[in-house]
Amino acid sequence: MLKINSIYKTFNKGTINEKRALNGVDLELNEGDFATVIGGNGAGKSTLLNSICGVFRVDSGSIVIDDVDVTRLSEHKRAKYLGRVFQDPMMGTAADMWIEENMSLAFRRGKKRGLKWAITNKERAMYKEMLSMLGLGLETRLSSKVGLLSGGQRQALTLLMAVMQKPKLLLLDEHTAALDPKTAETVLDLSEKFITEGNLTTLMITHNMKDAIAHGNKLIMMHEGRIIYSASGDEKKQLTVDDLLKKFADLSGEEFANDRALLDK
């Protein structure tokens, strides 16, 4: 479902601020794979996701989603293949629009525009049913502005909108990092539910090593723009946080530099 072949990305090339963010990344995900991505500060995790989305154009290499080479496609042309949830709960939704209007936009993503864009009663009933799965009472607030929701409610709604059309690839960019622990756990449990039930191919960046081990069937560790370690199957299930810290030190020659990850240890 996702095949990344030797991608490189350098920012501010030829200047004193030159920074190689991706340094020959190779990655393959089969349909239904759920890969978690960890790494220290500046490892290239978010640059990898932004390159897949088309926010950044890679300098070389290729990105293929479901046998479609998207390497040179614009960001908006890639959108029909992707679902994404950002770290900031304020992103991914329109604050001044109603809940049902936001869901309507997500439901129509990638479809041809026409004159019949009004929300039908059948459609509204579907939205209520979907929202009830969140367990947050939002199914009774279809006409509430999204900007009035709490951060956790908004992030859960963004997640629901991201999976509505069963994207070829779901990208979760530290999507629980800005939430309090209890709300983060709720959103992560919902993520697991939607991914499993929809058999969604997923790439999730997280600073929490426990979450990286507990969720998904693959784990990827990045450092200085490269994948330095990956684990799957029984190897991944048997990992501990201390194992990951030791592997990072052995493979990179450095101590793991991410304060949030160490605090969550």
Protein backbone atom coordinates (compact mmCIF):
# COMPACT_ATOMS: atom_id res chain seq x y z
CA MET A 1 0.00 0.00 0.00
CA LEU A 2 2.97 2.30 0.66
CA LYS A 3 6.38 1.97 -0.94
CA ILE A 4 9.05 4.57 -0.24
CA ASN A 5 12.28 4.15 -2.14
CA SER A 6 15.45 5.98 -1.09
CA ILE A 7 13.98 9.44 -0.46
CA TYR A 8 16.19 12.40 0.41
CA LYS A 9 15.21 15.86 1.59
CA THR A 10 17.55 18.75 2.42
CA PHE A 11 16.40 22.13 3.66
CA ASN A 12 18.27 25.41 2.99
CA LYS A 13 20.61 23.66 0.59
CA GLY A 14 23.89 25.44 -0.03
CA THR A 15 23.55 27.73 3.00
CA ILE A 16 25.04 27.76 6.48
CA ASN A 17 21.69 26.44 7.73
CA GLU A 18 21.69 23.40 5.45
CA LYS A 19 19.95 20.46 7.11
CA ARG A 20 19.50 17.00 5.64
CA ALA A 21 16.17 15.91 7.09
CA LEU A 22 15.74 12.64 5.15
CA ASN A 23 18.77 10.59 4.26
CA GLY A 24 17.79 7.69 2.00
CA VAL A 25 14.62 6.41 3.67
CA ASP A 26 13.25 3.07 2.45
CA LEU A 27 9.91 1.83 3.77
CA GLU A 28 7.21 -0.60 2.70
CA LEU A 29 3.80 -1.10 4.30
CA ASN A 30 1.39 -3.78 3.15
CA GLU A 31 -2.36 -3.29 3.27
CA GLY A 32 -3.52 -3.29 6.89
CA ASP A 33 -0.07 -2.67 8.38
CA PHE A 34 -0.05 -0.35 11.39
CA ALA A 35 3.45 1.06 11.89
CA THR A 36 4.49 3.27 14.80
CA VAL A 37 7.42 5.66 14.33
CA ILE A 38 9.69 6.88 17.11
CA GLY A 39 12.89 8.89 17.15
CA GLY A 40 14.71 11.71 18.90
CA ASN A 41 14.29 15.41 18.23
CA GLY A 42 15.01 16.22 14.58
CA ALA A 43 15.07 12.57 13.53
CA GLY A 44 12.98 13.28 10.41
CA LYS A 45 9.68 11.79 11.56
CA SER A 46 7.43 14.74 10.68
CA THR A 47 9.42 15.46 7.52
CA LEU A 48 8.69 11.89 6.43
CA LEU A 49 4.94 12.38 6.92
CA ASN A 50 4.97 15.78 5.25
CA SER A 51 6.86 14.31 2.30
CA ILE A 52 4.26 11.56 1.93
CA CYS A 53 1.50 14.21 2.01
CA GLY A 54 3.25 16.45 -0.52
CA VAL A 55 3.77 19.35 1.87
CA PHE A 56 7.48 18.93 1.09
CA ARG A 57 8.75 17.75 -2.28
CA VAL A 58 11.56 15.23 -1.88
CA ASP A 59 14.87 15.92 -3.63
CA SER A 60 15.13 12.37 -4.96
CA GLY A 61 13.61 8.94 -4.56
CA SER A 62 10.00 7.87 -4.99
CA ILE A 63 6.76 7.54 -3.02
CA VAL A 64 4.13 5.08 -4.24
CA ILE A 65 0.67 4.70 -2.68
CA ASP A 66 -1.45 1.75 -3.81
CA ASP A 67 0.61 1.40 -7.00
CA VAL A 68 0.26 5.11 -7.83
CA ASP A 69 3.50 7.10 -7.98
CA VAL A 70 2.65 10.30 -6.12
CA THR A 71 6.21 11.63 -5.86
CA ARG A 72 5.55 14.63 -8.07
CA LEU A 73 1.85 15.08 -7.40
CA SER A 74 0.72 18.25 -5.64
CA GLU A 75 -0.52 18.11 -2.07
CA HIS A 76 -4.20 18.48 -3.00
CA LYS A 77 -4.00 15.71 -5.62
CA ARG A 78 -2.60 13.31 -3.03
CA ALA A 79 -5.34 14.17 -0.53
CA LYS A 80 -7.77 11.62 -2.00
CA TYR A 81 -5.43 8.80 -1.00
CA LEU A 82 -4.73 10.03 2.52
CA GLY A 83 -6.32 10.66 5.89
CA ARG A 84 -4.35 12.71 8.39
CA VAL A 85 -4.68 13.77 12.01
CA PHE A 86 -2.32 16.47 13.26
CA GLN A 87 -0.78 17.05 16.68
CA ASP A 88 -2.72 20.29 17.10
CA PRO A 89 -6.44 19.57 17.69
CA MET A 90 -7.23 22.94 16.08
CA MET A 91 -6.04 21.67 12.70
CA GLY A 92 -8.04 19.37 10.46
CA THR A 93 -11.42 20.99 11.13
CA ALA A 94 -13.09 24.33 10.40
CA ALA A 95 -13.82 26.05 13.72
CA ASP A 96 -16.62 28.31 12.44
CA MET A 97 -18.55 25.52 10.75
CA TRP A 98 -21.00 23.11 12.36
CA ILE A 99 -20.04 19.53 13.20
CA GLU A 100 -22.27 18.18 10.43
CA GLU A 101 -20.80 20.66 7.93
CA ASN A 102 -17.27 19.51 8.75
CA MET A 103 -18.34 15.89 8.36
CA SER A 104 -20.02 16.73 5.08
CA LEU A 105 -16.76 18.12 3.71
CA ALA A 106 -14.92 14.96 4.77
CA PHE A 107 -17.65 12.75 3.28
CA ARG A 108 -17.33 14.53 -0.09
CA ARG A 109 -13.53 14.50 -0.22
CA GLY A 110 -12.35 13.43 -3.65
CA LYS A 111 -15.86 13.50 -5.15
CA LYS A 112 -16.96 15.66 -8.05
CA ARG A 113 -18.54 18.94 -7.10
CA GLY A 114 -22.09 19.58 -8.19
CA LEU A 115 -25.20 21.49 -7.24
CA LYS A 116 -26.56 18.86 -4.84
CA TRP A 117 -24.32 19.46 -1.85
CA ALA A 118 -27.05 19.98 0.74
CA ILE A 119 -26.92 17.57 3.68
CA THR A 120 -29.78 15.06 3.37
CA ASN A 121 -31.68 13.53 6.27
CA LYS A 122 -30.20 10.13 5.40
CA GLU A 123 -26.74 11.61 5.50
CA ARG A 124 -27.44 13.34 8.81
CA ALA A 125 -28.60 10.04 10.32
CA MET A 126 -25.33 8.44 9.18
CA TYR A 127 -23.32 11.20 10.85
CA LYS A 128 -25.22 10.70 14.11
CA GLU A 129 -24.50 6.99 14.02
CA MET A 130 -20.80 7.61 13.39
CA LEU A 131 -20.54 10.21 16.12
CA SER A 132 -22.23 7.92 18.63
CA MET A 133 -19.25 5.55 18.25
CA LEU A 134 -17.04 8.20 19.85
CA GLY A 135 -19.01 8.05 23.10
CA LEU A 136 -18.68 11.80 23.58
CA GLY A 137 -22.30 12.88 23.10
CA LEU A 138 -21.53 14.71 19.85
CA GLU A 139 -24.35 12.95 18.00
CA THR A 140 -26.78 15.36 19.69
CA ARG A 141 -24.73 18.44 18.71
CA LEU A 142 -24.66 18.33 14.91
CA SER A 143 -25.38 22.05 14.67
CA SER A 144 -22.72 23.06 17.22
CA LYS A 145 -19.71 24.97 15.92
CA VAL A 146 -16.55 22.86 16.08
CA GLY A 147 -14.70 25.76 17.71
CA LEU A 148 -16.83 25.24 20.83
CA LEU A 149 -15.59 21.68 21.36
CA SER A 150 -12.85 20.69 23.78
CA GLY A 151 -9.46 19.68 22.40
CA GLY A 152 -10.21 15.99 22.93
CA GLN A 153 -13.64 16.19 21.29
CA ARG A 154 -12.19 18.04 18.34
CA GLN A 155 -9.36 15.55 17.90
CA ALA A 156 -11.79 12.63 18.06
CA LEU A 157 -13.93 14.33 15.40
CA THR A 158 -10.86 14.95 13.23
CA LEU A 159 -9.97 11.26 13.53
CA LEU A 160 -13.48 10.22 12.53
CA MET A 161 -13.38 12.56 9.53
CA ALA A 162 -9.98 11.18 8.49
CA VAL A 163 -11.26 7.60 8.30
CA MET A 164 -14.74 8.25 6.85
CA GLN A 165 -13.75 7.47 3.28
CA LYS A 166 -11.33 4.65 4.22
CA PRO A 167 -8.12 6.29 2.99
CA LYS A 168 -5.42 4.24 1.32
CA LEU A 169 -3.08 5.49 4.04
CA LEU A 170 -3.86 7.00 7.46
CA LEU A 171 -1.21 9.33 8.92
CA LEU A 172 -1.28 10.12 12.64
CA ASP A 173 1.23 12.83 13.50
CA GLU A 174 1.64 12.71 17.30
CA HIS A 175 -2.11 13.13 17.40
CA THR A 176 -2.42 12.60 21.18
CA ALA A 177 0.59 14.70 22.26
CA ALA A 178 -1.41 17.87 23.00
CA LEU A 179 -4.09 16.08 25.04
CA ASP A 180 -4.26 15.27 28.74
CA PRO A 181 -3.42 11.62 29.57
CA LYS A 182 -7.02 10.41 29.98
CA THR A 183 -8.22 12.08 26.77
CA ALA A 184 -5.12 10.88 24.92
CA GLU A 185 -5.92 7.32 25.94
CA THR A 186 -9.51 7.70 24.67
CA VAL A 187 -8.38 9.05 21.29
CA LEU A 188 -5.73 6.34 20.98
CA ASP A 189 -8.28 3.61 21.76
CA LEU A 190 -10.59 5.09 19.10
CA SER A 191 -7.70 5.12 16.64
CA GLU A 192 -7.02 1.43 17.29
CA LYS A 193 -10.72 0.65 16.85
CA PHE A 194 -11.07 2.46 13.51
CA ILE A 195 -7.77 1.09 12.17
CA THR A 196 -8.61 -2.51 13.09
CA GLU A 197 -12.22 -2.46 11.93
CA GLY A 198 -11.36 -0.69 8.67
CA ASN A 199 -8.13 -2.66 8.07
CA LEU A 200 -6.47 0.71 7.47
CA THR A 201 -2.83 0.98 6.52
CA THR A 202 -1.45 3.39 9.10
CA LEU A 203 1.71 5.29 9.95
CA MET A 204 1.66 6.78 13.46
CA ILE A 205 4.34 9.07 14.87
CA THR A 206 4.45 9.04 18.64
CA HIS A 207 6.78 10.34 21.33
CA ASN A 208 5.46 7.73 23.75
CA MET A 209 7.56 4.56 23.56
CA LYS A 210 5.00 2.54 25.52
CA ASP A 211 2.34 3.42 22.94
CA ALA A 212 4.75 2.64 20.09
CA ILE A 213 5.24 -0.86 21.50
CA ALA A 214 1.61 -1.48 22.50
CA HIS A 215 0.02 -0.46 19.21
CA GLY A 216 0.46 -1.66 15.65
CA ASN A 217 2.27 -4.61 14.12
CA LYS A 218 5.44 -2.73 13.12
CA LEU A 219 7.79 -0.35 14.93
CA ILE A 220 10.24 1.97 13.18
CA MET A 221 13.03 3.95 14.82
CA MET A 222 14.49 7.00 13.04
CA HIS A 223 17.68 8.96 13.61
CA GLU A 224 19.23 11.75 11.53
CA GLY A 225 16.84 11.17 8.64
CA ARG A 226 17.34 7.41 8.44
CA ILE A 227 15.51 4.33 9.66
CA ILE A 228 18.03 2.69 11.98
CA TYR A 229 15.85 -0.08 13.39
CA SER A 230 12.55 -1.80 12.68
CA ALA A 231 10.70 -4.60 14.41
CA SER A 232 7.54 -6.56 13.75
CA GLY A 233 5.74 -9.68 14.92
CA ASP A 234 7.02 -11.43 18.04
CA GLU A 235 10.15 -9.27 18.15
CA LYS A 236 8.02 -6.14 18.52
CA LYS A 237 5.69 -7.71 21.09
CA GLN A 238 8.61 -8.60 23.35
CA LEU A 239 10.20 -5.13 23.31
CA THR A 240 10.38 -2.94 26.37
CA VAL A 241 11.10 0.79 26.65
CA ASP A 242 14.54 -0.03 28.07
CA ASP A 243 15.18 -2.27 25.04
CA LEU A 244 14.39 0.62 22.71
CA LEU A 245 16.62 3.06 24.60
CA LYS A 246 19.49 0.58 24.48
CA LYS A 247 18.98 -0.16 20.78
CA PHE A 248 18.93 3.56 20.02
CA ALA A 249 22.18 4.13 21.93
CA ASP A 250 23.86 1.12 20.28
CA LEU A 251 22.78 1.98 16.75
CA SER A 252 23.18 5.76 16.85
CA GLY A 253 26.04 6.13 19.30
CA GLU A 254 23.99 8.71 21.21
CA GLU A 255 21.57 8.90 24.10
CA PHE A 256 17.92 9.26 23.15
CA ALA A 257 17.15 13.00 23.05
CA ASN A 258 13.42 13.46 23.51
CA ASP A 259 12.37 14.75 26.90
CA ARG A 260 8.69 13.87 26.46
CA ALA A 261 9.52 10.26 25.55
CA LEU A 262 11.76 9.87 28.58
CA LEU A 263 9.15 11.40 30.89
CA ASP A 264 6.62 8.86 29.59
CA LYS A 265 9.01 6.02 30.30
